[in-house]
Amino acid sequence: MSSNISIDKFSNNSLNQRTLYNLLVKLDGFYIPKISDRVNLRAYSVKLLQYGKVFYVKADVGEYIGLLAIYVNDIINHNAFISSIGILPEYHGLGISEKLINKAFAVAIKNGMKSVSLEANNNNNRALGFYKKCGFFEEKRIGDTFFMTKNLLGTAPHQVN
């Protein structure tokens, strides 16, 4: 397994919609709960590319191994929303999540956002711990879902220890 990865942005076209859909299918079983338990993955991939900014992670062997999807279109509250972030488990521990979260912060700031929010499941201890290390705090909890936010004012790229 290689640690050489690249992060780039998907453009909105039919080839990338298929590629994003296939990547979501590949990652789906690793989300808690699975994304497909809540949405149709094909429709979700179209929506992400149409309204959000979607970045993929590619290993040097050409395999798509992760993604970040973020919405930066809240011009009233100036709050970005991370809709999805995920990496294949065999690539955990290589700093890829940190690179993706920093990408999210940079994209949000560039688009005039003052904060970033996301949802995480109470049963996903790994993700919850990571988000807390990155400066997210719990705003509220509904059932098994944590609603978390990070204030971006005065934020520099984040280092996770």
N, C-alpha and C. Protein backbone atom coordinates (compact mmCIF):
# COMPACT_ATOMS: atom_id res chain seq x y z
N MET A 1 0.85 -1.18 0.00
CA MET A 1 0.00 0.00 0.00
C MET A 1 0.89 1.23 0.00
N SER A 2 0.54 2.19 -0.82
CA SER A 2 1.34 3.39 -0.97
C SER A 2 0.74 4.54 -0.18
N SER A 3 1.61 5.44 0.26
CA SER A 3 1.11 6.64 0.94
C SER A 3 1.10 7.84 0.00
N ASN A 4 1.45 7.64 -1.27
CA ASN A 4 1.40 8.73 -2.24
C ASN A 4 -0.02 8.87 -2.75
N ILE A 5 -0.63 9.98 -2.40
CA ILE A 5 -2.02 10.21 -2.79
C ILE A 5 -2.14 11.58 -3.43
N SER A 6 -3.23 11.76 -4.18
CA SER A 6 -3.53 13.07 -4.72
C SER A 6 -4.98 13.39 -4.41
N ILE A 7 -5.25 14.67 -4.22
CA ILE A 7 -6.61 15.14 -3.97
C ILE A 7 -6.93 16.14 -5.07
N ASP A 8 -8.07 15.93 -5.73
CA ASP A 8 -8.47 16.82 -6.80
C ASP A 8 -9.98 16.95 -6.79
N LYS A 9 -10.49 17.93 -7.51
CA LYS A 9 -11.92 18.23 -7.52
C LYS A 9 -12.59 17.58 -8.72
N PHE A 10 -13.73 16.96 -8.47
CA PHE A 10 -14.57 16.46 -9.55
C PHE A 10 -15.25 17.64 -10.24
N SER A 11 -15.36 17.61 -11.54
CA SER A 11 -16.22 18.54 -12.25
C SER A 11 -17.56 17.85 -12.45
N ASN A 12 -18.58 18.62 -12.78
CA ASN A 12 -19.93 18.06 -12.92
C ASN A 12 -20.15 17.63 -14.37
N ASN A 13 -19.89 16.36 -14.62
CA ASN A 13 -20.20 15.78 -15.93
C ASN A 13 -20.60 14.32 -15.72
N SER A 14 -21.10 13.70 -16.76
CA SER A 14 -21.64 12.35 -16.60
C SER A 14 -20.56 11.33 -16.24
N LEU A 15 -19.35 11.49 -16.75
CA LEU A 15 -18.27 10.57 -16.38
C LEU A 15 -17.97 10.67 -14.89
N ASN A 16 -17.88 11.89 -14.39
CA ASN A 16 -17.60 12.06 -12.97
C ASN A 16 -18.78 11.64 -12.10
N GLN A 17 -20.01 11.79 -12.59
CA GLN A 17 -21.15 11.30 -11.83
C GLN A 17 -21.06 9.79 -11.65
N ARG A 18 -20.68 9.07 -12.70
CA ARG A 18 -20.52 7.61 -12.60
C ARG A 18 -19.36 7.26 -11.67
N THR A 19 -18.26 7.99 -11.80
CA THR A 19 -17.09 7.73 -10.96
C THR A 19 -17.42 7.99 -9.50
N LEU A 20 -18.09 9.11 -9.21
CA LEU A 20 -18.48 9.42 -7.84
C LEU A 20 -19.45 8.38 -7.31
N TYR A 21 -20.43 8.00 -8.11
CA TYR A 21 -21.37 6.97 -7.69
C TYR A 21 -20.63 5.68 -7.34
N ASN A 22 -19.70 5.24 -8.19
CA ASN A 22 -18.94 4.02 -7.92
C ASN A 22 -18.10 4.14 -6.65
N LEU A 23 -17.54 5.32 -6.40
CA LEU A 23 -16.76 5.55 -5.19
C LEU A 23 -17.66 5.51 -3.96
N LEU A 24 -18.85 6.11 -4.06
CA LEU A 24 -19.79 6.05 -2.94
C LEU A 24 -20.21 4.61 -2.64
N VAL A 25 -20.44 3.83 -3.67
CA VAL A 25 -20.79 2.42 -3.49
C VAL A 25 -19.65 1.69 -2.77
N LYS A 26 -18.42 1.97 -3.19
CA LYS A 26 -17.23 1.34 -2.61
C LYS A 26 -17.08 1.69 -1.12
N LEU A 27 -17.37 2.95 -0.77
CA LEU A 27 -17.20 3.42 0.61
C LEU A 27 -18.42 3.14 1.49
N ASP A 28 -19.57 2.92 0.89
CA ASP A 28 -20.85 2.88 1.60
C ASP A 28 -20.85 1.97 2.82
N GLY A 29 -20.31 0.79 2.71
CA GLY A 29 -20.32 -0.16 3.82
C GLY A 29 -19.47 0.25 5.00
N PHE A 30 -18.62 1.25 4.83
CA PHE A 30 -17.74 1.69 5.91
C PHE A 30 -18.31 2.88 6.68
N TYR A 31 -19.39 3.46 6.19
CA TYR A 31 -20.05 4.55 6.91
C TYR A 31 -20.95 3.97 7.99
N ILE A 32 -21.10 4.70 9.08
CA ILE A 32 -21.98 4.30 10.17
C ILE A 32 -23.01 5.39 10.37
N PRO A 33 -24.28 5.17 10.01
CA PRO A 33 -24.82 4.06 9.22
C PRO A 33 -24.46 4.23 7.76
N LYS A 34 -24.72 3.21 6.95
CA LYS A 34 -24.43 3.29 5.54
C LYS A 34 -25.23 4.44 4.92
N ILE A 35 -24.62 5.16 3.99
CA ILE A 35 -25.31 6.26 3.32
C ILE A 35 -26.53 5.74 2.57
N SER A 36 -26.39 4.56 1.97
CA SER A 36 -27.50 4.00 1.19
C SER A 36 -28.71 3.63 2.05
N ASP A 37 -28.56 3.60 3.37
CA ASP A 37 -29.70 3.40 4.25
C ASP A 37 -30.59 4.64 4.31
N ARG A 38 -30.01 5.79 3.92
CA ARG A 38 -30.75 7.05 4.02
C ARG A 38 -31.08 7.69 2.68
N VAL A 39 -30.25 7.45 1.66
CA VAL A 39 -30.45 8.10 0.37
C VAL A 39 -30.14 7.12 -0.76
N ASN A 40 -30.64 7.44 -1.94
CA ASN A 40 -30.29 6.73 -3.16
C ASN A 40 -28.92 7.24 -3.60
N LEU A 41 -27.94 6.36 -3.69
CA LEU A 41 -26.57 6.79 -3.98
C LEU A 41 -26.43 7.44 -5.35
N ARG A 42 -27.16 6.97 -6.33
CA ARG A 42 -27.07 7.57 -7.67
C ARG A 42 -27.58 9.02 -7.62
N ALA A 43 -28.74 9.22 -7.02
CA ALA A 43 -29.30 10.58 -6.91
C ALA A 43 -28.41 11.47 -6.04
N TYR A 44 -27.85 10.89 -4.99
CA TYR A 44 -26.95 11.63 -4.09
C TYR A 44 -25.71 12.10 -4.85
N SER A 45 -25.13 11.24 -5.68
CA SER A 45 -23.94 11.64 -6.42
C SER A 45 -24.25 12.79 -7.38
N VAL A 46 -25.42 12.76 -8.01
CA VAL A 46 -25.82 13.85 -8.90
C VAL A 46 -25.99 15.14 -8.10
N LYS A 47 -26.67 15.05 -6.96
CA LYS A 47 -26.91 16.23 -6.12
C LYS A 47 -25.59 16.84 -5.62
N LEU A 48 -24.67 15.98 -5.17
CA LEU A 48 -23.39 16.49 -4.68
C LEU A 48 -22.65 17.28 -5.75
N LEU A 49 -22.59 16.72 -6.95
CA LEU A 49 -21.87 17.41 -8.02
C LEU A 49 -22.59 18.66 -8.50
N GLN A 50 -23.91 18.66 -8.41
CA GLN A 50 -24.67 19.82 -8.88
C GLN A 50 -24.60 20.98 -7.90
N TYR A 51 -24.66 20.70 -6.61
CA TYR A 51 -24.77 21.78 -5.62
C TYR A 51 -23.56 21.94 -4.71
N GLY A 52 -22.69 20.95 -4.67
CA GLY A 52 -21.56 21.00 -3.75
C GLY A 52 -20.24 21.05 -4.47
N LYS A 53 -19.21 20.94 -3.69
CA LYS A 53 -17.85 20.81 -4.20
C LYS A 53 -17.38 19.44 -3.72
N VAL A 54 -16.97 18.60 -4.67
CA VAL A 54 -16.61 17.23 -4.33
C VAL A 54 -15.17 16.98 -4.75
N PHE A 55 -14.40 16.50 -3.79
CA PHE A 55 -12.99 16.20 -4.00
C PHE A 55 -12.78 14.70 -3.84
N TYR A 56 -11.95 14.14 -4.70
CA TYR A 56 -11.64 12.72 -4.59
C TYR A 56 -10.19 12.55 -4.17
N VAL A 57 -9.94 11.41 -3.57
CA VAL A 57 -8.58 11.03 -3.20
C VAL A 57 -8.23 9.83 -4.06
N LYS A 58 -7.07 9.93 -4.68
CA LYS A 58 -6.62 8.87 -5.57
C LYS A 58 -5.24 8.40 -5.12
N ALA A 59 -5.06 7.08 -5.04
CA ALA A 59 -3.75 6.52 -4.72
C ALA A 59 -2.89 6.55 -5.97
N ASP A 60 -1.59 6.45 -5.79
CA ASP A 60 -0.70 6.50 -6.95
C ASP A 60 -0.89 5.33 -7.90
N VAL A 61 -1.60 4.30 -7.46
CA VAL A 61 -1.90 3.17 -8.34
C VAL A 61 -3.14 3.45 -9.19
N GLY A 62 -3.73 4.65 -9.03
CA GLY A 62 -4.88 5.04 -9.84
C GLY A 62 -6.21 4.71 -9.22
N GLU A 63 -6.21 4.12 -8.04
CA GLU A 63 -7.45 3.73 -7.38
C GLU A 63 -8.05 4.92 -6.62
N TYR A 64 -9.37 5.12 -6.78
CA TYR A 64 -10.08 6.11 -5.99
C TYR A 64 -10.28 5.52 -4.60
N ILE A 65 -9.79 6.25 -3.58
CA ILE A 65 -9.79 5.69 -2.23
C ILE A 65 -10.55 6.53 -1.21
N GLY A 66 -11.03 7.69 -1.59
CA GLY A 66 -11.74 8.52 -0.63
C GLY A 66 -12.34 9.74 -1.27
N LEU A 67 -13.11 10.47 -0.44
CA LEU A 67 -13.77 11.66 -0.96
C LEU A 67 -14.11 12.63 0.16
N LEU A 68 -14.35 13.85 -0.26
CA LEU A 68 -14.87 14.93 0.57
C LEU A 68 -15.93 15.64 -0.24
N ALA A 69 -17.12 15.78 0.32
CA ALA A 69 -18.18 16.55 -0.33
C ALA A 69 -18.62 17.63 0.64
N ILE A 70 -18.60 18.87 0.17
CA ILE A 70 -18.92 20.01 1.03
C ILE A 70 -19.80 21.00 0.28
N TYR A 71 -20.78 21.52 0.99
CA TYR A 71 -21.64 22.57 0.45
C TYR A 71 -21.16 23.90 1.03
N VAL A 72 -21.00 24.88 0.17
CA VAL A 72 -20.55 26.21 0.60
C VAL A 72 -21.48 27.28 0.03
N ASN A 73 -22.77 27.00 0.06
CA ASN A 73 -23.74 27.89 -0.58
C ASN A 73 -24.71 28.56 0.39
N ASP A 74 -24.42 28.53 1.69
CA ASP A 74 -25.28 29.18 2.67
C ASP A 74 -24.84 30.64 2.82
N ILE A 75 -25.42 31.51 1.99
CA ILE A 75 -25.00 32.92 2.00
C ILE A 75 -25.64 33.72 3.12
N ILE A 76 -26.60 33.14 3.83
CA ILE A 76 -27.24 33.84 4.95
C ILE A 76 -26.46 33.62 6.24
N ASN A 77 -26.20 32.36 6.59
CA ASN A 77 -25.50 32.03 7.83
C ASN A 77 -24.00 31.87 7.65
N HIS A 78 -23.55 31.81 6.40
CA HIS A 78 -22.13 31.61 6.09
C HIS A 78 -21.58 30.36 6.78
N ASN A 79 -22.36 29.28 6.68
CA ASN A 79 -21.99 28.01 7.28
C ASN A 79 -21.86 26.96 6.18
N ALA A 80 -20.67 26.38 6.07
CA ALA A 80 -20.45 25.28 5.13
C ALA A 80 -20.94 24.00 5.79
N PHE A 81 -21.25 23.00 4.97
CA PHE A 81 -21.71 21.73 5.50
C PHE A 81 -20.97 20.60 4.81
N ILE A 82 -20.25 19.79 5.59
CA ILE A 82 -19.59 18.60 5.06
C ILE A 82 -20.64 17.51 4.97
N SER A 83 -21.00 17.17 3.76
CA SER A 83 -22.02 16.15 3.54
C SER A 83 -21.44 14.74 3.64
N SER A 84 -20.19 14.61 3.22
CA SER A 84 -19.56 13.29 3.25
C SER A 84 -18.05 13.43 3.27
N ILE A 85 -17.43 12.61 4.09
CA ILE A 85 -15.97 12.49 4.09
C ILE A 85 -15.69 11.04 4.40
N GLY A 86 -14.84 10.42 3.61
CA GLY A 86 -14.56 9.00 3.84
C GLY A 86 -13.32 8.54 3.11
N ILE A 87 -12.65 7.57 3.72
CA ILE A 87 -11.43 6.97 3.18
C ILE A 87 -11.56 5.46 3.36
N LEU A 88 -11.14 4.71 2.37
CA LEU A 88 -11.13 3.25 2.53
C LEU A 88 -10.27 2.87 3.73
N PRO A 89 -10.71 1.91 4.54
CA PRO A 89 -10.01 1.57 5.78
C PRO A 89 -8.53 1.22 5.61
N GLU A 90 -8.17 0.60 4.51
CA GLU A 90 -6.77 0.22 4.35
C GLU A 90 -5.85 1.43 4.16
N TYR A 91 -6.44 2.62 4.01
CA TYR A 91 -5.65 3.85 3.87
C TYR A 91 -5.75 4.74 5.12
N HIS A 92 -6.36 4.23 6.18
CA HIS A 92 -6.40 4.98 7.44
C HIS A 92 -4.99 5.07 8.02
N GLY A 93 -4.76 6.10 8.78
CA GLY A 93 -3.47 6.27 9.45
C GLY A 93 -2.38 6.90 8.61
N LEU A 94 -2.72 7.37 7.42
CA LEU A 94 -1.73 7.98 6.54
C LEU A 94 -1.84 9.50 6.47
N GLY A 95 -2.73 10.08 7.28
CA GLY A 95 -2.90 11.53 7.28
C GLY A 95 -3.85 12.05 6.22
N ILE A 96 -4.55 11.16 5.53
CA ILE A 96 -5.44 11.57 4.45
C ILE A 96 -6.65 12.33 4.99
N SER A 97 -7.21 11.86 6.10
CA SER A 97 -8.37 12.55 6.69
C SER A 97 -8.01 13.98 7.08
N GLU A 98 -6.82 14.16 7.62
CA GLU A 98 -6.37 15.50 7.99
C GLU A 98 -6.27 16.39 6.75
N LYS A 99 -5.75 15.83 5.67
CA LYS A 99 -5.64 16.61 4.43
C LYS A 99 -7.04 16.99 3.92
N LEU A 100 -7.97 16.06 4.01
CA LEU A 100 -9.33 16.34 3.55
C LEU A 100 -10.01 17.38 4.43
N ILE A 101 -9.86 17.29 5.73
CA ILE A 101 -10.53 18.26 6.61
C ILE A 101 -9.92 19.64 6.41
N ASN A 102 -8.60 19.71 6.20
CA ASN A 102 -7.98 21.00 5.90
C ASN A 102 -8.46 21.54 4.56
N LYS A 103 -8.68 20.67 3.60
CA LYS A 103 -9.24 21.07 2.31
C LYS A 103 -10.63 21.66 2.53
N ALA A 104 -11.44 21.01 3.36
CA ALA A 104 -12.78 21.51 3.66
C ALA A 104 -12.72 22.90 4.27
N PHE A 105 -11.82 23.09 5.24
CA PHE A 105 -11.70 24.40 5.88
C PHE A 105 -11.27 25.46 4.87
N ALA A 106 -10.28 25.13 4.03
CA ALA A 106 -9.78 26.09 3.04
C ALA A 106 -10.86 26.46 2.03
N VAL A 107 -11.62 25.47 1.56
CA VAL A 107 -12.68 25.74 0.59
C VAL A 107 -13.77 26.60 1.24
N ALA A 108 -14.10 26.30 2.48
CA ALA A 108 -15.13 27.07 3.18
C ALA A 108 -14.69 28.52 3.35
N ILE A 109 -13.47 28.73 3.80
CA ILE A 109 -12.95 30.09 3.99
C ILE A 109 -12.91 30.84 2.66
N LYS A 110 -12.42 30.18 1.62
CA LYS A 110 -12.34 30.80 0.30
C LYS A 110 -13.71 31.25 -0.19
N ASN A 111 -14.76 30.54 0.21
CA ASN A 111 -16.12 30.85 -0.22
C ASN A 111 -16.88 31.70 0.80
N GLY A 112 -16.15 32.32 1.74
CA GLY A 112 -16.74 33.27 2.66
C GLY A 112 -17.52 32.66 3.83
N MET A 113 -17.30 31.39 4.11
CA MET A 113 -18.00 30.75 5.22
C MET A 113 -17.30 31.06 6.53
N LYS A 114 -18.07 31.18 7.60
CA LYS A 114 -17.54 31.48 8.92
C LYS A 114 -17.48 30.24 9.81
N SER A 115 -18.17 29.18 9.40
CA SER A 115 -18.17 27.95 10.17
C SER A 115 -18.40 26.76 9.24
N VAL A 116 -18.12 25.58 9.76
CA VAL A 116 -18.35 24.33 9.04
C VAL A 116 -19.10 23.40 9.98
N SER A 117 -20.14 22.77 9.46
CA SER A 117 -20.93 21.82 10.24
C SER A 117 -20.90 20.46 9.58
N LEU A 118 -21.23 19.45 10.36
CA LEU A 118 -21.37 18.09 9.86
C LEU A 118 -22.22 17.30 10.84
N GLU A 119 -22.61 16.13 10.42
CA GLU A 119 -23.35 15.20 11.26
C GLU A 119 -22.49 13.95 11.43
N ALA A 120 -22.52 13.38 12.62
CA ALA A 120 -21.80 12.13 12.88
C ALA A 120 -22.66 11.25 13.76
N ASN A 121 -22.56 9.96 13.52
CA ASN A 121 -23.33 9.01 14.29
C ASN A 121 -22.65 8.71 15.62
N ASN A 122 -23.45 8.61 16.66
CA ASN A 122 -22.97 8.33 18.00
C ASN A 122 -22.15 7.04 18.06
N ASN A 123 -22.41 6.10 17.17
CA ASN A 123 -21.71 4.82 17.16
C ASN A 123 -20.39 4.86 16.40
N ASN A 124 -20.06 6.00 15.82
CA ASN A 124 -18.83 6.12 15.04
C ASN A 124 -17.77 6.84 15.89
N ASN A 125 -17.23 6.11 16.86
CA ASN A 125 -16.29 6.71 17.81
C ASN A 125 -15.04 7.25 17.14
N ARG A 126 -14.56 6.56 16.13
CA ARG A 126 -13.35 7.02 15.42
C ARG A 126 -13.58 8.40 14.81
N ALA A 127 -14.70 8.56 14.12
CA ALA A 127 -15.01 9.85 13.48
C ALA A 127 -15.24 10.93 14.52
N LEU A 128 -16.00 10.62 15.56
CA LEU A 128 -16.28 11.62 16.59
C LEU A 128 -14.99 12.12 17.24
N GLY A 129 -14.08 11.21 17.55
CA GLY A 129 -12.80 11.61 18.13
C GLY A 129 -12.00 12.48 17.18
N PHE A 130 -12.00 12.12 15.91
CA PHE A 130 -11.28 12.91 14.91
C PHE A 130 -11.85 14.31 14.80
N TYR A 131 -13.17 14.41 14.71
CA TYR A 131 -13.80 15.73 14.57
C TYR A 131 -13.52 16.61 15.79
N LYS A 132 -13.54 16.03 16.97
CA LYS A 132 -13.24 16.80 18.18
C LYS A 132 -11.80 17.29 18.17
N LYS A 133 -10.87 16.44 17.73
CA LYS A 133 -9.46 16.86 17.62
C LYS A 133 -9.30 18.00 16.62
N CYS A 134 -10.18 18.04 15.63
CA CYS A 134 -10.12 19.08 14.60
C CYS A 134 -10.83 20.36 15.02
N GLY A 135 -11.37 20.40 16.23
CA GLY A 135 -11.98 21.61 16.73
C GLY A 135 -13.49 21.70 16.59
N PHE A 136 -14.14 20.63 16.16
CA PHE A 136 -15.60 20.63 16.10
C PHE A 136 -16.16 20.43 17.51
N PHE A 137 -17.28 21.07 17.77
CA PHE A 137 -17.97 20.88 19.05
C PHE A 137 -19.39 20.45 18.77
N GLU A 138 -19.96 19.74 19.72
CA GLU A 138 -21.33 19.26 19.59
C GLU A 138 -22.30 20.40 19.84
N GLU A 139 -23.14 20.67 18.85
CA GLU A 139 -24.18 21.68 19.00
C GLU A 139 -25.44 21.08 19.59
N LYS A 140 -25.81 19.89 19.08
CA LYS A 140 -26.99 19.21 19.59
C LYS A 140 -26.90 17.75 19.20
N ARG A 141 -27.78 16.98 19.81
CA ARG A 141 -27.86 15.55 19.52
C ARG A 141 -29.33 15.20 19.34
N ILE A 142 -29.63 14.50 18.27
CA ILE A 142 -30.97 14.00 18.04
C ILE A 142 -30.85 12.51 17.78
N GLY A 143 -31.38 11.72 18.68
CA GLY A 143 -31.23 10.28 18.55
C GLY A 143 -29.77 9.90 18.58
N ASP A 144 -29.32 9.17 17.56
CA ASP A 144 -27.93 8.74 17.46
C ASP A 144 -27.06 9.71 16.67
N THR A 145 -27.60 10.87 16.30
CA THR A 145 -26.87 11.81 15.45
C THR A 145 -26.36 13.00 16.24
N PHE A 146 -25.05 13.24 16.13
CA PHE A 146 -24.42 14.43 16.68
C PHE A 146 -24.36 15.47 15.57
N PHE A 147 -24.76 16.69 15.87
CA PHE A 147 -24.63 17.82 14.96
C PHE A 147 -23.47 18.65 15.50
N MET A 148 -22.39 18.73 14.70
CA MET A 148 -21.16 19.35 15.16
C MET A 148 -20.79 20.53 14.28
N THR A 149 -20.13 21.52 14.88
CA THR A 149 -19.73 22.73 14.17
C THR A 149 -18.33 23.13 14.57
N LYS A 150 -17.64 23.74 13.64
CA LYS A 150 -16.33 24.36 13.92
C LYS A 150 -16.38 25.79 13.43
N ASN A 151 -16.01 26.71 14.30
CA ASN A 151 -15.91 28.11 13.94
C ASN A 151 -14.62 28.31 13.15
N LEU A 152 -14.69 28.99 12.02
CA LEU A 152 -13.52 29.18 11.16
C LEU A 152 -12.84 30.52 11.35
N LEU A 153 -13.43 31.42 12.08
CA LEU A 153 -12.83 32.74 12.26
C LEU A 153 -11.48 32.60 12.94
N GLY A 154 -10.45 33.08 12.28
CA GLY A 154 -9.10 32.99 12.82
C GLY A 154 -8.49 31.61 12.69
N THR A 155 -9.05 30.75 11.81
CA THR A 155 -8.56 29.38 11.68
C THR A 155 -7.38 29.30 10.72
N ALA A 156 -6.34 28.65 11.18
CA ALA A 156 -5.21 28.29 10.32
C ALA A 156 -5.35 26.81 10.00
N PRO A 157 -4.61 26.29 9.03
CA PRO A 157 -4.68 24.86 8.76
C PRO A 157 -4.50 24.06 10.05
N HIS A 158 -5.32 23.06 10.21
CA HIS A 158 -5.37 22.31 11.46
C HIS A 158 -4.36 21.18 11.48
N GLN A 159 -3.71 21.01 12.59
CA GLN A 159 -2.79 19.89 12.79
C GLN A 159 -3.42 18.94 13.79
N VAL A 160 -3.56 17.69 13.41
CA VAL A 160 -4.08 16.68 14.33
C VAL A 160 -2.90 15.94 14.91
N ASN A 161 -2.85 15.87 16.23
CA ASN A 161 -1.72 15.19 16.90
C ASN A 161 -1.95 13.71 16.96
